[in-house]
């Protein structure tokens, strides 16, 4: 049955595949736009701050008043590029958990 599905998809006229071709072209275009963005920025200062204060990702998640996940905190420490909104969530949680008043420039070097 799988062979029949593959064969029938191959035999579909190009006119019926216009949506698929447009989607394919869109994906290629967005991939090219994202190529210039560096996503892995190396270890960030937040990792050192958390280590100095003996804080674990769970401490930030527990202290957060907004939706913050362990994965967000982990990505922040590893240097994965975060959105400004996620950076602010991590910043607020760290300030609550540590009792300090850090800024974004203290936590991230990008």
PDB file of N, CA and C in Angstrom:
ATOM      1  N   UNK A   1       0.814  -1.196   0.000  1.00  0.00           N
ATOM      2  CA  UNK A   1       0.000   0.000   0.000  1.00  0.00           C
ATOM      3  C   UNK A   1       0.856   1.257   0.000  1.00  0.00           C
ATOM      4  N   UNK A   2       1.982   1.231   0.732  1.00  0.00           N
ATOM      5  CA  UNK A   2       2.859   2.385   0.766  1.00  0.00           C
ATOM      6  C   UNK A   2       3.438   2.678  -0.606  1.00  0.00           C
ATOM      7  N   UNK A   3       3.757   1.629  -1.357  1.00  0.00           N
ATOM      8  CA  UNK A   3       4.288   1.824  -2.706  1.00  0.00           C
ATOM      9  C   UNK A   3       3.261   2.510  -3.599  1.00  0.00           C
ATOM     10  N   UNK A   4       1.984   2.171  -3.423  1.00  0.00           N
ATOM     11  CA  UNK A   4       0.932   2.803  -4.217  1.00  0.00           C
ATOM     12  C   UNK A   4       0.824   4.287  -3.882  1.00  0.00           C
ATOM     13  N   UNK A   5       0.934   4.640  -2.585  1.00  0.00           N
ATOM     14  CA  UNK A   5       0.839   6.038  -2.177  1.00  0.00           C
ATOM     15  C   UNK A   5       1.992   6.840  -2.763  1.00  0.00           C
ATOM     16  N   UNK A   6       3.178   6.257  -2.767  1.00  0.00           N
ATOM     17  CA  UNK A   6       4.342   6.953  -3.324  1.00  0.00           C
ATOM     18  C   UNK A   6       4.170   7.131  -4.820  1.00  0.00           C
ATOM     19  N   UNK A   7       3.752   6.082  -5.487  1.00  0.00           N
ATOM     20  CA  UNK A   7       3.576   6.153  -6.932  1.00  0.00           C
ATOM     21  C   UNK A   7       2.520   7.175  -7.298  1.00  0.00           C
ATOM     22  N   UNK A   8       1.398   7.221  -6.548  1.00  0.00           N
ATOM     23  CA  UNK A   8       0.338   8.168  -6.881  1.00  0.00           C
ATOM     24  C   UNK A   8       0.797   9.603  -6.626  1.00  0.00           C
ATOM     25  N   UNK A   9       1.649   9.821  -5.629  1.00  0.00           N
ATOM     26  CA  UNK A   9       2.154  11.170  -5.372  1.00  0.00           C
ATOM     27  C   UNK A   9       3.085  11.616  -6.490  1.00  0.00           C
ATOM     28  N   UNK A  10       3.838  10.694  -7.058  1.00  0.00           N
ATOM     29  CA  UNK A  10       4.746  11.027  -8.150  1.00  0.00           C
ATOM     30  C   UNK A  10       3.967  11.361  -9.412  1.00  0.00           C
ATOM     31  N   UNK A  11       2.853  10.686  -9.613  1.00  0.00           N
ATOM     32  CA  UNK A  11       2.061  10.876 -10.824  1.00  0.00           C
ATOM     33  C   UNK A  11       1.148  12.091 -10.781  1.00  0.00           C
ATOM     34  N   UNK A  12       1.143  12.866  -9.687  1.00  0.00           N
ATOM     35  CA  UNK A  12       0.275  14.046  -9.582  1.00  0.00           C
ATOM     36  C   UNK A  12       0.807  15.120 -10.520  1.00  0.00           C
ATOM     37  N   UNK A  13      -0.058  15.725 -11.334  1.00  0.00           N
ATOM     38  CA  UNK A  13       0.379  16.785 -12.246  1.00  0.00           C
ATOM     39  C   UNK A  13       0.928  17.984 -11.479  1.00  0.00           C
ATOM     40  N   UNK A  14       1.837  18.717 -12.079  1.00  0.00           N
ATOM     41  CA  UNK A  14       2.469  19.869 -11.438  1.00  0.00           C
ATOM     42  C   UNK A  14       1.456  20.919 -11.019  1.00  0.00           C
ATOM     43  N   UNK A  15       0.362  21.067 -11.757  1.00  0.00           N
ATOM     44  CA  UNK A  15      -0.658  22.061 -11.427  1.00  0.00           C
ATOM     45  C   UNK A  15      -1.235  21.805 -10.043  1.00  0.00           C
ATOM     46  N   UNK A  16      -1.324  20.560  -9.639  1.00  0.00           N
ATOM     47  CA  UNK A  16      -1.863  20.228  -8.327  1.00  0.00           C
ATOM     48  C   UNK A  16      -0.818  20.393  -7.222  1.00  0.00           C
ATOM     49  N   UNK A  17       0.421  20.559  -7.573  1.00  0.00           N
ATOM     50  CA  UNK A  17       1.497  20.691  -6.596  1.00  0.00           C
ATOM     51  C   UNK A  17       1.916  22.133  -6.367  1.00  0.00           C
ATOM     52  N   UNK A  18       1.204  23.093  -6.926  1.00  0.00           N
ATOM     53  CA  UNK A  18       1.606  24.494  -6.786  1.00  0.00           C
ATOM     54  C   UNK A  18       1.795  24.892  -5.330  1.00  0.00           C
ATOM     55  N   UNK A  19       0.877  24.498  -4.452  1.00  0.00           N
ATOM     56  CA  UNK A  19       1.008  24.832  -3.032  1.00  0.00           C
ATOM     57  C   UNK A  19       2.282  24.261  -2.440  1.00  0.00           C
ATOM     58  N   UNK A  20       2.618  23.033  -2.806  1.00  0.00           N
ATOM     59  CA  UNK A  20       3.826  22.393  -2.297  1.00  0.00           C
ATOM     60  C   UNK A  20       5.067  23.105  -2.823  1.00  0.00           C
ATOM     61  N   UNK A  21       5.036  23.539  -4.090  1.00  0.00           N
ATOM     62  CA  UNK A  21       6.185  24.240  -4.653  1.00  0.00           C
ATOM     63  C   UNK A  21       6.378  25.597  -3.983  1.00  0.00           C
ATOM     64  N   UNK A  22       5.277  26.293  -3.705  1.00  0.00           N
ATOM     65  CA  UNK A  22       5.368  27.583  -3.024  1.00  0.00           C
ATOM     66  C   UNK A  22       5.932  27.389  -1.629  1.00  0.00           C
ATOM     67  N   UNK A  23       5.450  26.370  -0.905  1.00  0.00           N
ATOM     68  CA  UNK A  23       5.945  26.091   0.430  1.00  0.00           C
ATOM     69  C   UNK A  23       7.431  25.768   0.396  1.00  0.00           C
ATOM     70  N   UNK A  24       7.854  24.968  -0.576  1.00  0.00           N
ATOM     71  CA  UNK A  24       9.260  24.603  -0.714  1.00  0.00           C
ATOM     72  C   UNK A  24      10.118  25.836  -0.981  1.00  0.00           C
ATOM     73  N   UNK A  25       9.637  26.739  -1.838  1.00  0.00           N
ATOM     74  CA  UNK A  25      10.385  27.959  -2.139  1.00  0.00           C
ATOM     75  C   UNK A  25      10.468  28.852  -0.912  1.00  0.00           C
ATOM     76  N   UNK A  26       9.383  28.932  -0.133  1.00  0.00           N
ATOM     77  CA  UNK A  26       9.369  29.738   1.088  1.00  0.00           C
ATOM     78  C   UNK A  26      10.377  29.204   2.089  1.00  0.00           C
ATOM     79  N   UNK A  27      10.412  27.881   2.276  1.00  0.00           N
ATOM     80  CA  UNK A  27      11.336  27.285   3.219  1.00  0.00           C
ATOM     81  C   UNK A  27      12.783  27.556   2.818  1.00  0.00           C
ATOM     82  N   UNK A  28      13.077  27.485   1.525  1.00  0.00           N
ATOM     83  CA  UNK A  28      14.435  27.760   1.064  1.00  0.00           C
ATOM     84  C   UNK A  28      14.809  29.207   1.339  1.00  0.00           C
ATOM     85  N   UNK A  29      13.866  30.116   1.142  1.00  0.00           N
ATOM     86  CA  UNK A  29      14.113  31.535   1.349  1.00  0.00           C
ATOM     87  C   UNK A  29      14.372  31.843   2.823  1.00  0.00           C
ATOM     88  N   UNK A  30      13.571  31.277   3.723  1.00  0.00           N
ATOM     89  CA  UNK A  30      13.775  31.543   5.145  1.00  0.00           C
ATOM     90  C   UNK A  30      15.049  30.885   5.646  1.00  0.00           C
ATOM     91  N   UNK A  31      15.412  29.734   5.103  1.00  0.00           N
ATOM     92  CA  UNK A  31      16.669  29.098   5.494  1.00  0.00           C
ATOM     93  C   UNK A  31      17.850  29.992   5.137  1.00  0.00           C
ATOM     94  N   UNK A  32      17.792  30.623   3.969  1.00  0.00           N
ATOM     95  CA  UNK A  32      18.867  31.522   3.544  1.00  0.00           C
ATOM     96  C   UNK A  32      18.946  32.742   4.441  1.00  0.00           C
ATOM     97  N   UNK A  33      17.800  33.280   4.872  1.00  0.00           N
ATOM     98  CA  UNK A  33      17.795  34.458   5.740  1.00  0.00           C
ATOM     99  C   UNK A  33      18.374  34.120   7.103  1.00  0.00           C
ATOM    100  N   UNK A  34      18.133  32.910   7.620  1.00  0.00           N
ATOM    101  CA  UNK A  34      18.594  32.523   8.939  1.00  0.00           C
ATOM    102  C   UNK A  34      20.042  32.068   8.962  1.00  0.00           C
ATOM    103  N   UNK A  35      20.637  31.870   7.794  1.00  0.00           N
ATOM    104  CA  UNK A  35      22.024  31.403   7.746  1.00  0.00           C
ATOM    105  C   UNK A  35      22.985  32.397   8.399  1.00  0.00           C
ATOM    106  N   UNK A  36      22.720  33.675   8.291  1.00  0.00           N
ATOM    107  CA  UNK A  36      23.621  34.693   8.819  1.00  0.00           C
ATOM    108  C   UNK A  36      23.497  34.915  10.311  1.00  0.00           C
ATOM    109  N   UNK A  37      22.514  34.309  10.969  1.00  0.00           N
ATOM    110  CA  UNK A  37      22.304  34.515  12.399  1.00  0.00           C
ATOM    111  C   UNK A  37      23.081  33.463  13.178  1.00  0.00           C
ATOM    112  N   UNK A  38      23.964  33.927  14.043  1.00  0.00           N
ATOM    113  CA  UNK A  38      24.719  33.020  14.898  1.00  0.00           C
ATOM    114  C   UNK A  38      23.831  32.640  16.075  1.00  0.00           C
ATOM    115  N   UNK A  39      23.589  31.350  16.261  1.00  0.00           N
ATOM    116  CA  UNK A  39      22.672  30.896  17.308  1.00  0.00           C
ATOM    117  C   UNK A  39      23.412  30.408  18.552  1.00  0.00           C
ATOM    118  N   UNK A  40      24.599  29.856  18.389  1.00  0.00           N
ATOM    119  CA  UNK A  40      25.348  29.340  19.521  1.00  0.00           C
ATOM    120  C   UNK A  40      26.443  30.341  19.857  1.00  0.00           C
ATOM    121  N   UNK A  41      26.283  31.019  20.983  1.00  0.00           N
ATOM    122  CA  UNK A  41      27.172  32.115  21.329  1.00  0.00           C
ATOM    123  C   UNK A  41      28.141  31.780  22.458  1.00  0.00           C
ATOM    124  N   UNK A  42      28.241  30.518  22.800  1.00  0.00           N
ATOM    125  CA  UNK A  42      29.173  30.096  23.834  1.00  0.00           C
ATOM    126  C   UNK A  42      28.646  30.357  25.234  1.00  0.00           C
ATOM    127  N   UNK A  43      29.341  29.845  26.230  1.00  0.00           N
ATOM    128  CA  UNK A  43      28.904  30.016  27.624  1.00  0.00           C
ATOM    129  C   UNK A  43      28.709  31.497  27.965  1.00  0.00           C
ATOM    130  N   UNK A  44      27.634  31.764  28.689  1.00  0.00           N
ATOM    131  CA  UNK A  44      27.277  33.131  29.042  1.00  0.00           C
ATOM    132  C   UNK A  44      27.595  33.418  30.508  1.00  0.00           C
ATOM    133  N   UNK A  45      27.738  34.696  30.859  1.00  0.00           N
ATOM    134  CA  UNK A  45      28.026  35.070  32.248  1.00  0.00           C
ATOM    135  C   UNK A  45      26.983  34.575  33.252  1.00  0.00           C
ATOM    136  N   UNK A  46      25.744  34.363  32.814  1.00  0.00           N
ATOM    137  CA  UNK A  46      24.721  33.873  33.743  1.00  0.00           C
ATOM    138  C   UNK A  46      25.127  32.534  34.350  1.00  0.00           C
ATOM    139  N   UNK A  47      25.817  31.705  33.593  1.00  0.00           N
ATOM    140  CA  UNK A  47      26.278  30.421  34.115  1.00  0.00           C
ATOM    141  C   UNK A  47      27.242  30.597  35.278  1.00  0.00           C
ATOM    142  N   UNK A  48      28.156  31.548  35.156  1.00  0.00           N
ATOM    143  CA  UNK A  48      29.112  31.828  36.236  1.00  0.00           C
ATOM    144  C   UNK A  48      28.407  32.417  37.457  1.00  0.00           C
ATOM    145  N   UNK A  49      27.465  33.314  37.211  1.00  0.00           N
ATOM    146  CA  UNK A  49      26.721  33.934  38.317  1.00  0.00           C
ATOM    147  C   UNK A  49      25.943  32.874  39.089  1.00  0.00           C
ATOM    148  N   UNK A  50      25.293  31.985  38.354  1.00  0.00           N
ATOM    149  CA  UNK A  50      24.529  30.920  39.018  1.00  0.00           C
ATOM    150  C   UNK A  50      25.451  30.002  39.808  1.00  0.00           C
ATOM    151  N   UNK A  51      26.628  29.699  39.263  1.00  0.00           N
ATOM    152  CA  UNK A  51      27.586  28.830  39.962  1.00  0.00           C
ATOM    153  C   UNK A  51      28.091  29.505  41.243  1.00  0.00           C
ATOM    154  N   UNK A  52      28.389  30.803  41.172  1.00  0.00           N
ATOM    155  CA  UNK A  52      28.868  31.533  42.348  1.00  0.00           C
ATOM    156  C   UNK A  52      27.822  31.569  43.453  1.00  0.00           C
ATOM    157  N   UNK A  53      26.585  31.640  43.073  1.00  0.00           N
ATOM    158  CA  UNK A  53      25.481  31.728  44.037  1.00  0.00           C
ATOM    159  C   UNK A  53      24.891  30.358  44.373  1.00  0.00           C
ATOM    160  N   UNK A  54      25.503  29.289  43.849  1.00  0.00           N
ATOM    161  CA  UNK A  54      25.024  27.914  44.061  1.00  0.00           C
ATOM    162  C   UNK A  54      23.563  27.755  43.668  1.00  0.00           C
ATOM    163  N   UNK A  55      23.193  28.336  42.527  1.00  0.00           N
ATOM    164  CA  UNK A  55      21.832  28.227  42.022  1.00  0.00           C
ATOM    165  C   UNK A  55      21.773  27.217  40.891  1.00  0.00           C
ATOM    166  N   UNK A  56      20.746  26.427  40.876  1.00  0.00           N
ATOM    167  CA  UNK A  56      20.489  25.459  39.818  1.00  0.00           C
ATOM    168  C   UNK A  56      19.348  25.997  38.957  1.00  0.00           C
ATOM    169  N   UNK A  57      19.201  25.495  37.737  1.00  0.00           N
ATOM    170  CA  UNK A  57      18.084  25.942  36.892  1.00  0.00           C
ATOM    171  C   UNK A  57      16.731  25.828  37.595  1.00  0.00           C
ATOM    172  N   UNK A  58      16.554  24.791  38.403  1.00  0.00           N
ATOM    173  CA  UNK A  58      15.275  24.634  39.100  1.00  0.00           C
ATOM    174  C   UNK A  58      15.005  25.782  40.074  1.00  0.00           C
ATOM    175  N   UNK A  59      16.057  26.332  40.671  1.00  0.00           N
ATOM    176  CA  UNK A  59      15.885  27.455  41.594  1.00  0.00           C
ATOM    177  C   UNK A  59      15.275  28.660  40.869  1.00  0.00           C
ATOM    178  N   UNK A  60      15.725  28.901  39.640  1.00  0.00           N
ATOM    179  CA  UNK A  60      15.170  30.008  38.864  1.00  0.00           C
ATOM    180  C   UNK A  60      13.737  29.721  38.445  1.00  0.00           C
ATOM    181  N   UNK A  61      13.480  28.495  38.023  1.00  0.00           N
ATOM    182  CA  UNK A  61      12.119  28.120  37.613  1.00  0.00           C
ATOM    183  C   UNK A  61      11.162  28.266  38.799  1.00  0.00           C
ATOM    184  N   UNK A  62      11.586  27.825  39.960  1.00  0.00           N
ATOM    185  CA  UNK A  62      10.739  27.901  41.154  1.00  0.00           C
ATOM    186  C   UNK A  62      10.516  29.357  41.592  1.00  0.00           C
ATOM    187  N   UNK A  63      11.504  30.211  41.408  1.00  0.00           N
ATOM    188  CA  UNK A  63      11.392  31.602  41.838  1.00  0.00           C
ATOM    189  C   UNK A  63      10.614  32.456  40.846  1.00  0.00           C
ATOM    190  N   UNK A  64      10.499  32.004  39.626  1.00  0.00           N
ATOM    191  CA  UNK A  64       9.873  32.794  38.578  1.00  0.00           C
ATOM    192  C   UNK A  64       8.383  32.991  38.831  1.00  0.00           C
ATOM    193  N   UNK A  65       7.921  34.207  38.558  1.00  0.00           N
ATOM    194  CA  UNK A  65       6.490  34.504  38.650  1.00  0.00           C
ATOM    195  C   UNK A  65       5.828  34.375  37.287  1.00  0.00           C
ATOM    196  N   UNK A  66       6.634  34.213  36.247  1.00  0.00           N
ATOM    197  CA  UNK A  66       6.135  34.044  34.887  1.00  0.00           C
ATOM    198  C   UNK A  66       6.487  32.645  34.418  1.00  0.00           C
ATOM    199  N   UNK A  67       5.964  32.252  33.273  1.00  0.00           N
ATOM    200  CA  UNK A  67       6.251  30.916  32.771  1.00  0.00           C
ATOM    201  C   UNK A  67       7.705  30.833  32.319  1.00  0.00           C
ATOM    202  N   UNK A  68       8.481  30.110  33.075  1.00  0.00           N
ATOM    203  CA  UNK A  68       9.890  29.890  32.767  1.00  0.00           C
ATOM    204  C   UNK A  68      10.142  28.398  32.890  1.00  0.00           C
ATOM    205  N   UNK A  69      10.800  27.825  31.899  1.00  0.00           N
ATOM    206  CA  UNK A  69      11.067  26.386  31.917  1.00  0.00           C
ATOM    207  C   UNK A  69      12.544  26.117  32.184  1.00  0.00           C
ATOM    208  N   UNK A  70      12.813  24.896  32.588  1.00  0.00           N
ATOM    209  CA  UNK A  70      14.205  24.477  32.795  1.00  0.00           C
ATOM    210  C   UNK A  70      14.986  24.591  31.486  1.00  0.00           C
ATOM    211  N   UNK A  71      14.320  24.304  30.390  1.00  0.00           N
ATOM    212  CA  UNK A  71      14.970  24.359  29.086  1.00  0.00           C
ATOM    213  C   UNK A  71      15.402  25.787  28.747  1.00  0.00           C
ATOM    214  N   UNK A  72      14.580  26.772  29.074  1.00  0.00           N
ATOM    215  CA  UNK A  72      14.946  28.174  28.822  1.00  0.00           C
ATOM    216  C   UNK A  72      16.204  28.554  29.606  1.00  0.00           C
ATOM    217  N   UNK A  73      16.247  28.158  30.870  1.00  0.00           N
ATOM    218  CA  UNK A  73      17.400  28.482  31.719  1.00  0.00           C
ATOM    219  C   UNK A  73      18.644  27.767  31.199  1.00  0.00           C
ATOM    220  N   UNK A  74      18.488  26.520  30.825  1.00  0.00           N
ATOM    221  CA  UNK A  74      19.610  25.746  30.291  1.00  0.00           C
ATOM    222  C   UNK A  74      20.163  26.398  29.027  1.00  0.00           C
ATOM    223  N   UNK A  75      19.279  26.816  28.138  1.00  0.00           N
ATOM    224  CA  UNK A  75      19.716  27.468  26.903  1.00  0.00           C
ATOM    225  C   UNK A  75      20.394  28.798  27.186  1.00  0.00           C
ATOM    226  N   UNK A  76      19.913  29.515  28.191  1.00  0.00           N
ATOM    227  CA  UNK A  76      20.540  30.792  28.554  1.00  0.00           C
ATOM    228  C   UNK A  76      21.986  30.566  28.991  1.00  0.00           C
ATOM    229  N   UNK A  77      22.211  29.549  29.805  1.00  0.00           N
ATOM    230  CA  UNK A  77      23.563  29.272  30.313  1.00  0.00           C
ATOM    231  C   UNK A  77      24.498  28.781  29.221  1.00  0.00           C
ATOM    232  N   UNK A  78      23.977  27.985  28.290  1.00  0.00           N
ATOM    233  CA  UNK A  78      24.801  27.416  27.224  1.00  0.00           C
ATOM    234  C   UNK A  78      25.149  28.427  26.143  1.00  0.00           C
ATOM    235  N   UNK A  79      24.394  29.518  26.065  1.00  0.00           N
ATOM    236  CA  UNK A  79      24.694  30.521  25.058  1.00  0.00           C
ATOM    237  C   UNK A  79      23.847  30.425  23.816  1.00  0.00           C
ATOM    238  N   UNK A  80      22.747  29.743  23.903  1.00  0.00           N
ATOM    239  CA  UNK A  80      21.813  29.698  22.777  1.00  0.00           C
ATOM    240  C   UNK A  80      21.119  31.060  22.705  1.00  0.00           C
ATOM    241  N   UNK A  81      21.004  31.607  21.503  1.00  0.00           N
ATOM    242  CA  UNK A  81      20.381  32.927  21.354  1.00  0.00           C
ATOM    243  C   UNK A  81      18.930  32.862  21.814  1.00  0.00           C
ATOM    244  N   UNK A  82      18.565  33.773  22.723  1.00  0.00           N
ATOM    245  CA  UNK A  82      17.218  33.824  23.270  1.00  0.00           C
ATOM    246  C   UNK A  82      16.509  35.086  22.801  1.00  0.00           C
ATOM    247  N   UNK A  83      15.182  35.015  22.771  1.00  0.00           N
ATOM    248  CA  UNK A  83      14.409  36.220  22.468  1.00  0.00           C
ATOM    249  C   UNK A  83      14.523  37.178  23.654  1.00  0.00           C
ATOM    250  N   UNK A  84      14.233  38.429  23.419  1.00  0.00           N
ATOM    251  CA  UNK A  84      14.296  39.430  24.494  1.00  0.00           C
ATOM    252  C   UNK A  84      13.319  39.049  25.610  1.00  0.00           C
ATOM    253  N   UNK A  85      12.152  38.546  25.252  1.00  0.00           N
ATOM    254  CA  UNK A  85      11.153  38.153  26.243  1.00  0.00           C
ATOM    255  C   UNK A  85      11.695  37.050  27.161  1.00  0.00           C
ATOM    256  N   UNK A  86      12.336  36.051  26.591  1.00  0.00           N
ATOM    257  CA  UNK A  86      12.906  34.962  27.384  1.00  0.00           C
ATOM    258  C   UNK A  86      14.059  35.469  28.241  1.00  0.00           C
ATOM    259  N   UNK A  87      14.874  36.357  27.688  1.00  0.00           N
ATOM    260  CA  UNK A  87      15.968  36.937  28.473  1.00  0.00           C
ATOM    261  C   UNK A  87      15.419  37.654  29.704  1.00  0.00           C
ATOM    262  N   UNK A  88      14.338  38.392  29.532  1.00  0.00           N
ATOM    263  CA  UNK A  88      13.746  39.128  30.656  1.00  0.00           C
ATOM    264  C   UNK A  88      13.152  38.180  31.693  1.00  0.00           C
ATOM    265  N   UNK A  89      12.559  37.071  31.252  1.00  0.00           N
ATOM    266  CA  UNK A  89      12.048  36.078  32.191  1.00  0.00           C
ATOM    267  C   UNK A  89      13.177  35.501  33.032  1.00  0.00           C
ATOM    268  N   UNK A  90      14.287  35.174  32.382  1.00  0.00           N
ATOM    269  CA  UNK A  90      15.444  34.614  33.092  1.00  0.00           C
ATOM    270  C   UNK A  90      16.027  35.651  34.048  1.00  0.00           C
ATOM    271  N   UNK A  91      16.136  36.888  33.588  1.00  0.00           N
ATOM    272  CA  UNK A  91      16.662  37.975  34.426  1.00  0.00           C
ATOM    273  C   UNK A  91      15.814  38.162  35.681  1.00  0.00           C
ATOM    274  N   UNK A  92      14.509  38.248  35.506  1.00  0.00           N
ATOM    275  CA  UNK A  92      13.616  38.449  36.656  1.00  0.00           C
ATOM    276  C   UNK A  92      13.694  37.287  37.635  1.00  0.00           C
ATOM    277  N   UNK A  93      13.752  36.073  37.119  1.00  0.00           N
ATOM    278  CA  UNK A  93      13.845  34.899  37.988  1.00  0.00           C
ATOM    279  C   UNK A  93      15.173  34.884  38.749  1.00  0.00           C
ATOM    280  N   UNK A  94      16.267  35.233  38.079  1.00  0.00           N
ATOM    281  CA  UNK A  94      17.567  35.269  38.754  1.00  0.00           C
ATOM    282  C   UNK A  94      17.581  36.338  39.841  1.00  0.00           C
ATOM    283  N   UNK A  95      17.022  37.499  39.548  1.00  0.00           N
ATOM    284  CA  UNK A  95      16.965  38.567  40.559  1.00  0.00           C
ATOM    285  C   UNK A  95      16.154  38.133  41.778  1.00  0.00           C
ATOM    286  N   UNK A  96      15.044  37.429  41.552  1.00  0.00           N
ATOM    287  CA  UNK A  96      14.239  36.947  42.676  1.00  0.00           C
ATOM    288  C   UNK A  96      14.958  35.853  43.456  1.00  0.00           C
ATOM    289  N   UNK A  97      15.587  34.922  42.752  1.00  0.00           N
ATOM    290  CA  UNK A  97      16.246  33.791  43.408  1.00  0.00           C
ATOM    291  C   UNK A  97      17.506  34.213  44.166  1.00  0.00           C
ATOM    292  N   UNK A  98      18.223  35.205  43.654  1.00  0.00           N
ATOM    293  CA  UNK A  98      19.496  35.600  44.265  1.00  0.00           C
ATOM    294  C   UNK A  98      19.353  36.764  45.233  1.00  0.00           C
ATOM    295  N   UNK A  99      18.280  37.521  45.110  1.00  0.00           N
ATOM    296  CA  UNK A  99      18.119  38.706  45.956  1.00  0.00           C
ATOM    297  C   UNK A  99      18.967  39.873  45.486  1.00  0.00           C
ATOM    298  N   UNK A 100      19.551  39.760  44.310  1.00  0.00           N
ATOM    299  CA  UNK A 100      20.383  40.823  43.739  1.00  0.00           C
ATOM    300  C   UNK A 100      19.587  41.574  42.680  1.00  0.00           C
ATOM    301  N   UNK A 101      20.224  42.572  42.073  1.00  0.00           N
ATOM    302  CA  UNK A 101      19.583  43.360  41.023  1.00  0.00           C
ATOM    303  C   UNK A 101      20.485  43.387  39.794  1.00  0.00           C
ATOM    304  N   UNK A 102      20.487  42.297  39.026  1.00  0.00           N
ATOM    305  CA  UNK A 102      21.301  42.195  37.828  1.00  0.00           C
ATOM    306  C   UNK A 102      20.593  42.857  36.647  1.00  0.00           C
ATOM    307  N   UNK A 103      21.387  43.186  35.613  1.00  0.00           N
ATOM    308  CA  UNK A 103      20.818  43.701  34.359  1.00  0.00           C
ATOM    309  C   UNK A 103      21.090  42.675  33.260  1.00  0.00           C
ATOM    310  N   UNK A 104      20.466  42.868  32.106  1.00  0.00           N
ATOM    311  CA  UNK A 104      20.690  41.953  30.985  1.00  0.00           C
ATOM    312  C   UNK A 104      22.160  41.915  30.582  1.00  0.00           C
ATOM    313  N   UNK A 105      22.846  43.047  30.682  1.00  0.00           N
ATOM    314  CA  UNK A 105      24.267  43.106  30.305  1.00  0.00           C
ATOM    315  C   UNK A 105      25.137  42.270  31.246  1.00  0.00           C
ATOM    316  N   UNK A 106      24.663  42.073  32.467  1.00  0.00           N
ATOM    317  CA  UNK A 106      25.408  41.226  33.404  1.00  0.00           C
ATOM    318  C   UNK A 106      25.279  39.745  33.063  1.00  0.00           C
ATOM    319  N   UNK A 107      24.164  39.375  32.433  1.00  0.00           N
ATOM    320  CA  UNK A 107      23.874  37.954  32.199  1.00  0.00           C
ATOM    321  C   UNK A 107      24.270  37.465  30.827  1.00  0.00           C
ATOM    322  N   UNK A 108      24.162  38.337  29.830  1.00  0.00           N
ATOM    323  CA  UNK A 108      24.376  37.921  28.437  1.00  0.00           C
ATOM    324  C   UNK A 108      25.399  38.829  27.780  1.00  0.00           C
ATOM    325  N   UNK A 109      26.268  38.248  26.935  1.00  0.00           N
ATOM    326  CA  UNK A 109      27.270  39.060  26.253  1.00  0.00           C
ATOM    327  C   UNK A 109      26.933  39.247  24.768  1.00  0.00           C
ATOM    328  N   UNK A 110      25.670  39.169  24.445  1.00  0.00           N
ATOM    329  CA  UNK A 110      25.224  39.452  23.068  1.00  0.00           C
ATOM    330  C   UNK A 110      24.082  40.412  23.089  1.00  0.00           C
TER     331      UNK A 110
END
